[in-house]
Amino acid sequence: MATLEFRVQNVKCGGCASTIEEALNSITGVEKVKVDIAMGLVSVELHDPNMETISQKLMEIGFPLAA
């Protein structure tokens, strides 16, 4: 299992965190998602790390990766 950590844009509240967690948990192989609202960080534990799939899902829900 791998853990990926990255910054995302537009994370402002608990609702944002819940939306991200729900969306990323829907991806096959994702085991755990943790969102740090204050830092805009998302940590994902998953079996098959595929950053493109994660990035695409985040863009779909309005939380693109930060540059």
N, C-alpha and C. Protein backbone atom coordinates (compact mmCIF):
# COMPACT_ATOMS: atom_id res chain seq x y z
N MET A 1 0.85 -1.18 0.00
CA MET A 1 0.00 0.00 0.00
C MET A 1 0.90 1.24 0.00
N ALA A 2 0.46 2.25 -0.71
CA ALA A 2 1.20 3.51 -0.82
C ALA A 2 0.38 4.64 -0.22
N THR A 3 1.07 5.69 0.19
CA THR A 3 0.41 6.89 0.67
C THR A 3 0.87 8.06 -0.18
N LEU A 4 -0.09 8.78 -0.74
CA LEU A 4 0.20 9.98 -1.51
C LEU A 4 -0.30 11.18 -0.74
N GLU A 5 0.46 12.27 -0.76
CA GLU A 5 0.04 13.49 -0.10
C GLU A 5 0.23 14.64 -1.07
N PHE A 6 -0.76 15.50 -1.18
CA PHE A 6 -0.69 16.61 -2.13
C PHE A 6 -1.59 17.74 -1.67
N ARG A 7 -1.34 18.93 -2.22
CA ARG A 7 -2.15 20.12 -1.91
C ARG A 7 -3.23 20.27 -2.97
N VAL A 8 -4.40 20.71 -2.50
CA VAL A 8 -5.50 20.99 -3.42
C VAL A 8 -6.00 22.41 -3.19
N GLN A 9 -6.66 22.95 -4.19
CA GLN A 9 -7.21 24.30 -4.12
C GLN A 9 -8.65 24.27 -3.62
N ASN A 10 -9.09 25.39 -3.08
CA ASN A 10 -10.50 25.64 -2.74
C ASN A 10 -11.02 24.90 -1.51
N VAL A 11 -10.16 24.30 -0.70
CA VAL A 11 -10.63 23.61 0.51
C VAL A 11 -10.82 24.66 1.61
N LYS A 12 -12.08 24.87 2.00
CA LYS A 12 -12.36 25.95 2.95
C LYS A 12 -13.14 25.52 4.19
N CYS A 13 -13.75 24.31 4.14
CA CYS A 13 -14.61 23.94 5.27
C CYS A 13 -14.74 22.41 5.37
N GLY A 14 -15.45 21.99 6.39
CA GLY A 14 -15.69 20.57 6.59
C GLY A 14 -16.48 19.95 5.46
N GLY A 15 -17.38 20.73 4.86
CA GLY A 15 -18.15 20.23 3.73
C GLY A 15 -17.24 19.93 2.54
N CYS A 16 -16.26 20.79 2.32
CA CYS A 16 -15.29 20.56 1.24
C CYS A 16 -14.53 19.26 1.52
N ALA A 17 -14.09 19.09 2.75
CA ALA A 17 -13.34 17.89 3.13
C ALA A 17 -14.19 16.65 2.92
N SER A 18 -15.45 16.70 3.31
CA SER A 18 -16.35 15.55 3.13
C SER A 18 -16.54 15.21 1.66
N THR A 19 -16.69 16.23 0.83
CA THR A 19 -16.85 16.02 -0.60
C THR A 19 -15.63 15.34 -1.19
N ILE A 20 -14.44 15.80 -0.80
CA ILE A 20 -13.19 15.20 -1.29
C ILE A 20 -13.08 13.76 -0.82
N GLU A 21 -13.33 13.53 0.46
CA GLU A 21 -13.22 12.18 1.01
C GLU A 21 -14.17 11.22 0.31
N GLU A 22 -15.41 11.64 0.11
CA GLU A 22 -16.40 10.78 -0.55
C GLU A 22 -15.99 10.47 -1.99
N ALA A 23 -15.54 11.48 -2.70
CA ALA A 23 -15.16 11.29 -4.10
C ALA A 23 -13.95 10.37 -4.24
N LEU A 24 -12.93 10.59 -3.42
CA LEU A 24 -11.72 9.77 -3.54
C LEU A 24 -11.94 8.36 -3.02
N ASN A 25 -12.79 8.21 -2.02
CA ASN A 25 -13.08 6.86 -1.52
C ASN A 25 -13.85 6.03 -2.54
N SER A 26 -14.46 6.69 -3.53
CA SER A 26 -15.18 5.96 -4.58
C SER A 26 -14.25 5.34 -5.62
N ILE A 27 -12.97 5.71 -5.57
CA ILE A 27 -11.99 5.17 -6.52
C ILE A 27 -11.54 3.79 -6.03
N THR A 28 -11.57 2.81 -6.91
CA THR A 28 -11.16 1.46 -6.58
C THR A 28 -9.71 1.46 -6.08
N GLY A 29 -9.48 0.82 -4.95
CA GLY A 29 -8.13 0.70 -4.39
C GLY A 29 -7.82 1.70 -3.30
N VAL A 30 -8.64 2.74 -3.17
CA VAL A 30 -8.42 3.73 -2.12
C VAL A 30 -8.92 3.16 -0.80
N GLU A 31 -8.07 3.19 0.21
CA GLU A 31 -8.40 2.66 1.52
C GLU A 31 -8.77 3.74 2.53
N LYS A 32 -8.06 4.88 2.47
CA LYS A 32 -8.27 5.91 3.47
C LYS A 32 -7.94 7.27 2.87
N VAL A 33 -8.76 8.27 3.19
CA VAL A 33 -8.54 9.64 2.74
C VAL A 33 -8.60 10.55 3.97
N LYS A 34 -7.62 11.44 4.08
CA LYS A 34 -7.60 12.40 5.19
C LYS A 34 -7.37 13.79 4.59
N VAL A 35 -8.19 14.75 4.99
CA VAL A 35 -8.08 16.11 4.49
C VAL A 35 -7.72 17.04 5.64
N ASP A 36 -6.66 17.82 5.45
CA ASP A 36 -6.26 18.85 6.41
C ASP A 36 -6.74 20.18 5.83
N ILE A 37 -7.84 20.68 6.36
CA ILE A 37 -8.47 21.89 5.82
C ILE A 37 -7.53 23.10 5.93
N ALA A 38 -6.91 23.28 7.08
CA ALA A 38 -6.05 24.45 7.31
C ALA A 38 -4.88 24.51 6.33
N MET A 39 -4.33 23.37 5.99
CA MET A 39 -3.16 23.32 5.10
C MET A 39 -3.53 23.06 3.64
N GLY A 40 -4.76 22.65 3.39
CA GLY A 40 -5.17 22.31 2.03
C GLY A 40 -4.51 21.03 1.55
N LEU A 41 -4.19 20.14 2.49
CA LEU A 41 -3.51 18.89 2.16
C LEU A 41 -4.48 17.72 2.16
N VAL A 42 -4.25 16.83 1.22
CA VAL A 42 -5.02 15.59 1.15
C VAL A 42 -4.02 14.44 1.18
N SER A 43 -4.29 13.47 2.04
CA SER A 43 -3.47 12.28 2.15
C SER A 43 -4.35 11.08 1.77
N VAL A 44 -3.84 10.25 0.87
CA VAL A 44 -4.62 9.11 0.38
C VAL A 44 -3.79 7.84 0.52
N GLU A 45 -4.34 6.85 1.20
CA GLU A 45 -3.73 5.52 1.27
C GLU A 45 -4.44 4.65 0.25
N LEU A 46 -3.66 4.03 -0.63
CA LEU A 46 -4.26 3.24 -1.69
C LEU A 46 -3.35 2.12 -2.14
N HIS A 47 -3.95 1.12 -2.81
CA HIS A 47 -3.20 -0.03 -3.26
C HIS A 47 -2.49 0.21 -4.57
N ASP A 48 -3.11 0.92 -5.48
CA ASP A 48 -2.54 1.14 -6.81
C ASP A 48 -2.44 2.63 -7.06
N PRO A 49 -1.31 3.25 -6.69
CA PRO A 49 -1.21 4.70 -6.83
C PRO A 49 -1.31 5.15 -8.28
N ASN A 50 -2.35 5.88 -8.59
CA ASN A 50 -2.55 6.42 -9.92
C ASN A 50 -2.94 7.89 -9.76
N MET A 51 -1.94 8.74 -9.81
CA MET A 51 -2.15 10.16 -9.56
C MET A 51 -3.06 10.78 -10.61
N GLU A 52 -3.04 10.29 -11.82
CA GLU A 52 -3.89 10.85 -12.86
C GLU A 52 -5.37 10.65 -12.54
N THR A 53 -5.72 9.47 -12.05
CA THR A 53 -7.11 9.20 -11.68
C THR A 53 -7.54 10.10 -10.53
N ILE A 54 -6.69 10.25 -9.54
CA ILE A 54 -7.00 11.10 -8.39
C ILE A 54 -7.14 12.55 -8.83
N SER A 55 -6.20 13.03 -9.62
CA SER A 55 -6.23 14.41 -10.10
C SER A 55 -7.49 14.68 -10.91
N GLN A 56 -7.86 13.76 -11.78
CA GLN A 56 -9.05 13.91 -12.60
C GLN A 56 -10.32 13.98 -11.73
N LYS A 57 -10.40 13.10 -10.74
CA LYS A 57 -11.57 13.09 -9.85
C LYS A 57 -11.67 14.41 -9.08
N LEU A 58 -10.54 14.92 -8.59
CA LEU A 58 -10.54 16.18 -7.86
C LEU A 58 -10.97 17.34 -8.76
N MET A 59 -10.53 17.35 -10.01
CA MET A 59 -10.94 18.40 -10.95
C MET A 59 -12.44 18.34 -11.19
N GLU A 60 -12.99 17.13 -11.32
CA GLU A 60 -14.42 16.96 -11.56
C GLU A 60 -15.27 17.57 -10.46
N ILE A 61 -14.78 17.51 -9.22
CA ILE A 61 -15.57 18.01 -8.09
C ILE A 61 -15.18 19.43 -7.66
N GLY A 62 -14.28 20.06 -8.42
CA GLY A 62 -13.94 21.47 -8.15
C GLY A 62 -12.80 21.72 -7.20
N PHE A 63 -11.95 20.71 -7.00
CA PHE A 63 -10.79 20.86 -6.11
C PHE A 63 -9.52 20.43 -6.82
N PRO A 64 -9.06 21.25 -7.80
CA PRO A 64 -7.87 20.86 -8.55
C PRO A 64 -6.61 20.87 -7.68
N LEU A 65 -5.63 20.12 -8.13
CA LEU A 65 -4.35 20.12 -7.43
C LEU A 65 -3.74 21.51 -7.48
N ALA A 66 -3.08 21.89 -6.39
CA ALA A 66 -2.40 23.19 -6.34
C ALA A 66 -1.08 23.07 -7.09
N ALA A 67 -0.66 24.18 -7.68
CA ALA A 67 0.58 24.19 -8.45
C ALA A 67 1.78 24.13 -7.54
